[in-house]
Amino acid sequence: MLWITLTAVFAISFILIYNFIKCENNKEPYSEQMNATMVVVVAALLALPILVVVGAFTFAIIGSVSLIDIMFSLNLSTSQLVILGVIFIIYLYTLDSLFELTLKNFIKQVLLYTLLIFLVRVGAFYIIGSIIGLPKQTGLAIAIGVSVTVLLIEFLFKLREKTVEDRAEKV
């Protein structure tokens, strides 16, 4: 299941990048245009970083689900862990972004915004777990654990951005 997801991510990003490069390549003068092989190679090379980022994030989410499974002895099967992880990733890249934008427009206080987005994620992950057929306590434990993990990852990225900005100001 995981390899299918990663292959789909690579294929979609490759197709989009290939179409973009091909379109832009046709706008170039004939003498400067790349041949078809070069367009395919460039599109594949540009799709790889996207695959790496999505893959790393997917492994982080699946790892957090697995860690929660081990910590609380939930005894989930490997297929359930992978399915949960993949569906959580799909949610985080689609609906979660919409919820974040909506809440960011209405709530200006950082702490309240962070708390509400955390609660929305817990609810969404719990509903996903219920749809997959997890027991209530198991679904709640996984929902809270994965939400905390995503919150920590976001916090670390924001902290890193702030550090980079502070260094840039000193120079």
C-alpha atoms as a PDB file:
ATOM      1  CA  MET A   1       0.000   0.000   0.000  1.00  0.00           C
ATOM      2  CA  LEU A   2       2.774   2.432   0.885  1.00  0.00           C
ATOM      3  CA  TRP A   3       4.683   1.780  -2.340  1.00  0.00           C
ATOM      4  CA  ILE A   4       1.512   2.322  -4.332  1.00  0.00           C
ATOM      5  CA  THR A   5       1.027   5.683  -2.647  1.00  0.00           C
ATOM      6  CA  LEU A   6       4.614   6.775  -3.220  1.00  0.00           C
ATOM      7  CA  THR A   7       4.466   5.610  -6.834  1.00  0.00           C
ATOM      8  CA  ALA A   8       1.263   7.597  -7.324  1.00  0.00           C
ATOM      9  CA  VAL A   9       2.903  10.709  -5.812  1.00  0.00           C
ATOM     10  CA  PHE A  10       5.879  10.329  -8.140  1.00  0.00           C
ATOM     11  CA  ALA A  11       3.687   9.686 -11.183  1.00  0.00           C
ATOM     12  CA  ILE A  12       1.424  12.662 -10.537  1.00  0.00           C
ATOM     13  CA  SER A  13       4.311  15.040  -9.858  1.00  0.00           C
ATOM     14  CA  PHE A  14       6.212  13.683 -12.897  1.00  0.00           C
ATOM     15  CA  ILE A  15       3.220  14.173 -15.211  1.00  0.00           C
ATOM     16  CA  LEU A  16       2.566  17.713 -13.972  1.00  0.00           C
ATOM     17  CA  ILE A  17       6.223  18.706 -14.200  1.00  0.00           C
ATOM     18  CA  TYR A  18       6.624  17.010 -17.596  1.00  0.00           C
ATOM     19  CA  ASN A  19       3.635  18.895 -19.032  1.00  0.00           C
ATOM     20  CA  PHE A  20       4.930  22.178 -17.646  1.00  0.00           C
ATOM     21  CA  ILE A  21       8.450  21.645 -19.026  1.00  0.00           C
ATOM     22  CA  LYS A  22       7.135  20.501 -22.394  1.00  0.00           C
ATOM     23  CA  CYS A  23       4.869  23.545 -22.659  1.00  0.00           C
ATOM     24  CA  GLU A  24       7.650  25.934 -21.698  1.00  0.00           C
ATOM     25  CA  ASN A  25      10.118  24.113 -23.949  1.00  0.00           C
ATOM     26  CA  ASN A  26       7.848  24.656 -26.961  1.00  0.00           C
ATOM     27  CA  LYS A  27       7.945  28.403 -26.309  1.00  0.00           C
ATOM     28  CA  GLU A  28      11.729  28.433 -26.686  1.00  0.00           C
ATOM     29  CA  PRO A  29      13.377  29.046 -30.053  1.00  0.00           C
ATOM     30  CA  TYR A  30      13.918  25.794 -31.939  1.00  0.00           C
ATOM     31  CA  SER A  31      17.685  25.931 -31.515  1.00  0.00           C
ATOM     32  CA  GLU A  32      17.391  26.114 -27.715  1.00  0.00           C
ATOM     33  CA  GLN A  33      14.702  23.455 -27.232  1.00  0.00           C
ATOM     34  CA  MET A  34      15.491  20.268 -25.314  1.00  0.00           C
ATOM     35  CA  ASN A  35      14.942  16.929 -26.983  1.00  0.00           C
ATOM     36  CA  ALA A  36      12.235  14.571 -25.676  1.00  0.00           C
ATOM     37  CA  THR A  37      14.691  12.452 -23.664  1.00  0.00           C
ATOM     38  CA  MET A  38      16.048  15.497 -21.882  1.00  0.00           C
ATOM     39  CA  VAL A  39      12.527  16.673 -21.008  1.00  0.00           C
ATOM     40  CA  VAL A  40      11.754  13.261 -19.469  1.00  0.00           C
ATOM     41  CA  VAL A  41      15.035  13.209 -17.510  1.00  0.00           C
ATOM     42  CA  VAL A  42      14.558  16.742 -16.173  1.00  0.00           C
ATOM     43  CA  ALA A  43      10.935  16.027 -15.207  1.00  0.00           C
ATOM     44  CA  ALA A  44      11.982  12.836 -13.400  1.00  0.00           C
ATOM     45  CA  LEU A  45      14.784  14.624 -11.547  1.00  0.00           C
ATOM     46  CA  LEU A  46      12.453  17.430 -10.473  1.00  0.00           C
ATOM     47  CA  ALA A  47       9.801  14.935  -9.310  1.00  0.00           C
ATOM     48  CA  LEU A  48      12.283  13.149  -7.026  1.00  0.00           C
ATOM     49  CA  PRO A  49      12.536  15.896  -4.337  1.00  0.00           C
ATOM     50  CA  ILE A  50       8.747  15.990  -4.115  1.00  0.00           C
ATOM     51  CA  LEU A  51       8.729  12.231  -3.639  1.00  0.00           C
ATOM     52  CA  VAL A  52      11.407  12.448  -0.944  1.00  0.00           C
ATOM     53  CA  VAL A  53       9.530  15.114   1.038  1.00  0.00           C
ATOM     54  CA  VAL A  54       6.177  13.340   0.827  1.00  0.00           C
ATOM     55  CA  GLY A  55       7.843  10.002   1.607  1.00  0.00           C
ATOM     56  CA  ALA A  56       9.667  11.382   4.642  1.00  0.00           C
ATOM     57  CA  PHE A  57       6.491  12.942   5.998  1.00  0.00           C
ATOM     58  CA  THR A  58       4.574   9.720   5.337  1.00  0.00           C
ATOM     59  CA  PHE A  59       7.172   7.685   7.202  1.00  0.00           C
ATOM     60  CA  ALA A  60       7.029  10.166  10.094  1.00  0.00           C
ATOM     61  CA  ILE A  61       3.253   9.823  10.363  1.00  0.00           C
ATOM     62  CA  ILE A  62       3.335   6.029  10.022  1.00  0.00           C
ATOM     63  CA  GLY A  63       6.141   5.958  12.581  1.00  0.00           C
ATOM     64  CA  SER A  64       4.116   7.994  15.045  1.00  0.00           C
ATOM     65  CA  VAL A  65       1.094   5.725  14.565  1.00  0.00           C
ATOM     66  CA  SER A  66       3.357   2.709  15.064  1.00  0.00           C
ATOM     67  CA  LEU A  67       4.914   4.251  18.179  1.00  0.00           C
ATOM     68  CA  ILE A  68       1.503   4.907  19.694  1.00  0.00           C
ATOM     69  CA  ASP A  69       0.513   1.338  18.807  1.00  0.00           C
ATOM     70  CA  ILE A  70       3.546   0.000  20.655  1.00  0.00           C
ATOM     71  CA  MET A  71       3.271   2.372  23.642  1.00  0.00           C
ATOM     72  CA  PHE A  72      -0.354   1.571  24.345  1.00  0.00           C
ATOM     73  CA  SER A  73      -0.256  -2.078  23.167  1.00  0.00           C
ATOM     74  CA  LEU A  74      -3.049  -1.494  20.701  1.00  0.00           C
ATOM     75  CA  ASN A  75      -2.074  -4.502  18.553  1.00  0.00           C
ATOM     76  CA  LEU A  76      -2.866  -2.978  15.174  1.00  0.00           C
ATOM     77  CA  SER A  77      -1.911  -4.936  12.090  1.00  0.00           C
ATOM     78  CA  THR A  78       0.721  -3.603   9.715  1.00  0.00           C
ATOM     79  CA  SER A  79      -1.883  -3.065   7.011  1.00  0.00           C
ATOM     80  CA  GLN A  80      -4.007  -0.992   9.418  1.00  0.00           C
ATOM     81  CA  LEU A  81      -0.957   1.110  10.334  1.00  0.00           C
ATOM     82  CA  VAL A  82      -0.105   1.797   6.703  1.00  0.00           C
ATOM     83  CA  ILE A  83      -3.711   2.533   5.742  1.00  0.00           C
ATOM     84  CA  LEU A  84      -4.082   4.927   8.679  1.00  0.00           C
ATOM     85  CA  GLY A  85      -0.802   6.644   7.841  1.00  0.00           C
ATOM     86  CA  VAL A  86      -1.663   7.089   4.175  1.00  0.00           C
ATOM     87  CA  ILE A  87      -5.164   8.383   4.891  1.00  0.00           C
ATOM     88  CA  PHE A  88      -3.783  10.766   7.528  1.00  0.00           C
ATOM     89  CA  ILE A  89      -1.279  12.100   4.970  1.00  0.00           C
ATOM     90  CA  ILE A  90      -4.023  12.573   2.394  1.00  0.00           C
ATOM     91  CA  TYR A  91      -6.100  14.434   4.992  1.00  0.00           C
ATOM     92  CA  LEU A  92      -3.157  16.617   6.042  1.00  0.00           C
ATOM     93  CA  TYR A  93      -2.406  17.637   2.465  1.00  0.00           C
ATOM     94  CA  THR A  94      -6.026  18.363   1.533  1.00  0.00           C
ATOM     95  CA  LEU A  95      -8.735  19.155   4.066  1.00  0.00           C
ATOM     96  CA  ASP A  96      -6.386  20.165   6.880  1.00  0.00           C
ATOM     97  CA  SER A  97      -5.005  22.990   4.754  1.00  0.00           C
ATOM     98  CA  LEU A  98      -8.516  24.314   4.218  1.00  0.00           C
ATOM     99  CA  PHE A  99      -9.260  24.164   7.946  1.00  0.00           C
ATOM    100  CA  GLU A 100      -5.988  25.955   8.696  1.00  0.00           C
ATOM    101  CA  LEU A 101      -6.757  28.776   6.258  1.00  0.00           C
ATOM    102  CA  THR A 102     -10.278  29.169   7.588  1.00  0.00           C
ATOM    103  CA  LEU A 103      -9.194  29.243  11.224  1.00  0.00           C
ATOM    104  CA  LYS A 104      -6.273  31.566  10.483  1.00  0.00           C
ATOM    105  CA  ASN A 105      -8.665  34.104   8.935  1.00  0.00           C
ATOM    106  CA  PHE A 106     -11.034  34.074  11.915  1.00  0.00           C
ATOM    107  CA  ILE A 107      -8.651  33.628  14.839  1.00  0.00           C
ATOM    108  CA  LYS A 108      -5.730  35.971  15.295  1.00  0.00           C
ATOM    109  CA  GLN A 109      -4.486  34.690  18.655  1.00  0.00           C
ATOM    110  CA  VAL A 110      -1.695  32.167  18.056  1.00  0.00           C
ATOM    111  CA  LEU A 111      -2.355  30.022  21.112  1.00  0.00           C
ATOM    112  CA  LEU A 112      -6.103  29.746  20.469  1.00  0.00           C
ATOM    113  CA  TYR A 113      -5.490  29.021  16.773  1.00  0.00           C
ATOM    114  CA  THR A 114      -2.989  26.269  17.651  1.00  0.00           C
ATOM    115  CA  LEU A 115      -5.387  24.724  20.170  1.00  0.00           C
ATOM    116  CA  LEU A 116      -8.312  24.751  17.732  1.00  0.00           C
ATOM    117  CA  ILE A 117      -6.307  23.274  14.850  1.00  0.00           C
ATOM    118  CA  PHE A 118      -5.086  20.576  17.252  1.00  0.00           C
ATOM    119  CA  LEU A 119      -8.674  19.758  18.248  1.00  0.00           C
ATOM    120  CA  VAL A 120      -9.824  19.719  14.613  1.00  0.00           C
ATOM    121  CA  ARG A 121      -7.038  17.252  13.784  1.00  0.00           C
ATOM    122  CA  VAL A 122      -7.877  15.048  16.763  1.00  0.00           C
ATOM    123  CA  GLY A 123     -11.505  14.974  15.630  1.00  0.00           C
ATOM    124  CA  ALA A 124     -10.618  14.270  12.010  1.00  0.00           C
ATOM    125  CA  PHE A 125      -8.135  11.525  12.891  1.00  0.00           C
ATOM    126  CA  TYR A 126     -10.659   9.987  15.290  1.00  0.00           C
ATOM    127  CA  ILE A 127     -13.323   9.965  12.558  1.00  0.00           C
ATOM    128  CA  ILE A 128     -10.853   8.388  10.111  1.00  0.00           C
ATOM    129  CA  GLY A 129     -10.041   5.718  12.695  1.00  0.00           C
ATOM    130  CA  SER A 130     -13.749   5.070  13.252  1.00  0.00           C
ATOM    131  CA  ILE A 131     -14.338   4.696   9.519  1.00  0.00           C
ATOM    132  CA  ILE A 132     -11.490   2.184   9.301  1.00  0.00           C
ATOM    133  CA  GLY A 133     -13.046   0.251  12.176  1.00  0.00           C
ATOM    134  CA  LEU A 134     -10.802   0.996  15.141  1.00  0.00           C
ATOM    135  CA  PRO A 135     -12.261   0.720  18.642  1.00  0.00           C
ATOM    136  CA  LYS A 136     -13.096   4.062  20.285  1.00  0.00           C
ATOM    137  CA  GLN A 137     -10.196   4.112  22.764  1.00  0.00           C
ATOM    138  CA  THR A 138      -7.687   2.975  20.147  1.00  0.00           C
ATOM    139  CA  GLY A 139      -8.890   5.596  17.678  1.00  0.00           C
ATOM    140  CA  LEU A 140      -8.737   8.334  20.304  1.00  0.00           C
ATOM    141  CA  ALA A 141      -5.217   7.369  21.412  1.00  0.00           C
ATOM    142  CA  ILE A 142      -3.967   7.361  17.832  1.00  0.00           C
ATOM    143  CA  ALA A 143      -5.783  10.607  17.000  1.00  0.00           C
ATOM    144  CA  ILE A 144      -4.233  12.455  19.942  1.00  0.00           C
ATOM    145  CA  GLY A 145      -0.784  10.962  19.385  1.00  0.00           C
ATOM    146  CA  VAL A 146      -0.624  11.756  15.677  1.00  0.00           C
ATOM    147  CA  SER A 147      -2.029  15.255  16.259  1.00  0.00           C
ATOM    148  CA  VAL A 148       0.691  15.928  18.831  1.00  0.00           C
ATOM    149  CA  THR A 149       3.322  14.626  16.396  1.00  0.00           C
ATOM    150  CA  VAL A 150       2.082  16.876  13.575  1.00  0.00           C
ATOM    151  CA  LEU A 151       1.964  19.832  15.984  1.00  0.00           C
ATOM    152  CA  LEU A 152       5.563  19.157  17.050  1.00  0.00           C
ATOM    153  CA  ILE A 153       6.738  18.895  13.443  1.00  0.00           C
ATOM    154  CA  GLU A 154       5.065  22.210  12.598  1.00  0.00           C
ATOM    155  CA  PHE A 155       6.552  23.828  15.711  1.00  0.00           C
ATOM    156  CA  LEU A 156      10.044  22.628  14.781  1.00  0.00           C
ATOM    157  CA  PHE A 157       9.683  23.984  11.232  1.00  0.00           C
ATOM    158  CA  LYS A 158       8.518  27.371  12.540  1.00  0.00           C
ATOM    159  CA  LEU A 159      11.373  27.431  15.057  1.00  0.00           C
ATOM    160  CA  ARG A 160      13.838  26.657  12.272  1.00  0.00           C
ATOM    161  CA  GLU A 161      12.399  29.411  10.065  1.00  0.00           C
ATOM    162  CA  LYS A 162      12.682  31.883  12.927  1.00  0.00           C
ATOM    163  CA  THR A 163      16.306  30.868  13.532  1.00  0.00           C
ATOM    164  CA  VAL A 164      17.131  31.326   9.842  1.00  0.00           C
ATOM    165  CA  GLU A 165      15.442  34.748   9.824  1.00  0.00           C
ATOM    166  CA  ASP A 166      17.349  35.803  12.955  1.00  0.00           C
ATOM    167  CA  ARG A 167      20.645  34.781  11.361  1.00  0.00           C
ATOM    168  CA  ALA A 168      19.769  36.707   8.190  1.00  0.00           C
ATOM    169  CA  GLU A 169      19.039  39.849  10.227  1.00  0.00           C
ATOM    170  CA  LYS A 170      22.415  39.656  11.970  1.00  0.00           C
ATOM    171  CA  VAL A 171      24.278  39.569   8.658  1.00  0.00           C
END
